Amino acid sequence: MMNKLYIGNLSPAVTADDLRQLFGDRKLPLAGQVLLKSGYAFVDYPDQNWAIRAIETLSGKVELHGKIMEVDYSVSKKLRSRKIQIRNIPPHLQWEVLDGLLAQCGTVENVEQVNTDTETAVVNVTYATREEAKIAIEKLSGHQFENYSFKISYIPDEEVSSPSPPQRAQRGDHSSREQGHAPGGSSQARQIDFPLRILVPTQFVGAIIGKEGLTIKNITKQTQSRVDIHRKENSGAAEKPVTIHATPEGTSEACRMILEIMQKEADETKLSSNMSSNSLLACKITAEKFTNNMETPGSEDIPLKILAHNGLVGRLIGKEGRNLKKIEHETGTKITISSLQDLSIYNPERTITVKGTVEACANAEIEIMKKLREAFENDMLAVNQQASLIPGLNLSTLGIFSTGLSVLPPPAGPRGAPPAPPYHPFATHSGYFSSLYPPHQFGPFPHHHSYPEQEIVNLFIPTQAVGAIIGKKGAHIKQLARFAGASIKIAPAEGPDVSERMVIITGPPEAQFKAQGRIFGKLKEENFFNPKEEVKLEAHIRVPSSTAGRVIGKGGKTVNELQNLTSAEVIVPRDQTPDENEEVIVRIIGHFFASQTAQRKIREIVQQVKQQEQKYPQGVASQRSK
């Protein structure tokens, strides 16, 4: 979609040629005509990245014929709907802080990162209503965070301008010929695309591309892959990200070929260096020594660096590092993973460094990607289950999860889009949800009235994490409660040396999902759990004592099936004394998605029993009395 920019506060003396020259001097070449009016003008940019660059470079900073020009998106009142763009976001800003700010203005349906060359972050935000977007612009424009001031604009809402976005999306699917799918293929193929992302030293990028792009064309042809080298990202950095889209076999073969190219280039560079060094010293050494030096150039192995989302890394490592140790042992490699401290709003990816020969690194890549893909697919399955298990849960309104959660950013943009924007690790989790479930496919479930409006869940966290959850003067817990739409309280400690504290969360299913998800993520983010282990917490929910037997099932059949389905540990103590409400506790232990799925399934069983009691009150009573 074309990005039309408004240029305001222009002197009457300004001409179209003046504007073209000004944009050109600042390396912001215009693609189309300049539409000049009295005191203002319009220009078009086909690429959002260039549009943002023009706004950031010129607006309020450049004088033309004695007047400081203003540059912003040109959005007609008809298209000023629910979408806004926020620029100049500090790259180190924590997810939860940004989320809290956005949530203060209304319900956030989607947040998407915009790939830019700027040092600060840019996001496009979609609110549930036009009024909420307007409030956000009024409230957040100029919002100060440290030395950064938010800049906010309306951006066109395609749903307003186009009556049938679903059809347009389907046509986009048909253009994905580079993925190897038939023209009639479904969008499912794009959703399960799980690319390999690696870092390559900048000095080897030229060799990978080859003269006139011949080398990279050969790689893509032989492996039936698409290889994106993001040369414009992190200008001046020593390494560049490379994204490979293909089948698992094609991805691994392309990776192997790139490793071979880098190793060959490194060997030749080292050999050339040795030859120069030896020629300078030739007058001082014997011919025999020179020969020995030439036989052992001594180039080092080039490591393979794989980028993986933090939410998947725990399952790659395995309990007590067993998975990694197994891969190291079987492939003869040494594997290290970057610290959690390197994660930020710009970077939820961690670097997996594999050291060894080309062959060993290539074999290790196969095993590493196998584990990451498996974790990714499990998360996809869990997300699907959540959409069907929680009536009224609109996954696209969940905002941005903490980077500690087991949720992935979306795969790179659709194939065949000219030109495809580079995949960036900042891609948001809410974008991931909305890419799986477009808003027209799901939403509140009007025919379901099966769940109580309010649910109470007691979540147990490490005692030392209480401060992090509460925040300075209670700021974090208030922000979390406001975002989730739940009541969140920390119960008093039962003794001086307790290892866990109880968090009491009260709210409907969607609020429970959001609040618990944030708490899991916060604990991971703040390193209250070992980087090599997944965050697993114990949750307690109360069920009527009359339904406890149904949760357990005959001979424990139901609870065993529940554990197999959700991967959570579910415990229903048999000798409990019901409380004053005739309820007993069910204990659930597991990672976030496992715990959520188990909670929903148990609530479902309880609701089924209640419905049966309402429909056949005497029959159910007589069954219990037998």
Foldseek 3Di string as FASTA:
>chain_A
DKFKKKKAQDAQPDDQVNVQVVCVVVVLHADDGWADDRGMIMGIDRAVQSLVVCQVVQAQPDDDPHTRMHMDTDDDPLQLKFKKKKWQAQFFDFQLVVLLLLLVLAFWLAKWWGDYLDNTTMIMTGHPTSNSSVSSQVPQQQPDDPNTGIHMDGGGDVVSVDVDVVVVVLQLCLLQVLQVDHSNDDPVVQQLWDKWKWKDFPVLPDLCCDDVRPNVVVLCVVLSKDKDWCQSHPPPDRITMIIITYPLRSRLSSLLSSQVSVVVVQLVVLLVVLVVVCVVCVVPDDPVVNVVCNVCSPGFRDKIKTKDALLQVLQCCDDVRPNVVVLCVVLVWDWDKDDLVPDRLQARIIIIIIGDHSRSNSSSVSSSVVSSSVLQVVVVVLLVLVQVLAAQASLSRLRFFFSQHNAAAGDFDRHNPVVGDDDGRSTGRSNSSCVVPPPVRGGHDVVDPLFDFKFKKKWKDFPVCPDVCQDDVSVNVVSLCSSLVWDWDWDDDPDDDDGITIIIIMGGLSSCLSSVRRVLSSCVSVPVDPSNHHDKIKMKGKAAPLCLDVCCDDVSVNQVVLCVVLVKRKDFDPPDDADPVNIGIIMIIDHSSSRSSSVSVVSVSRSVLVVCCVVCVVVSVVVSVD
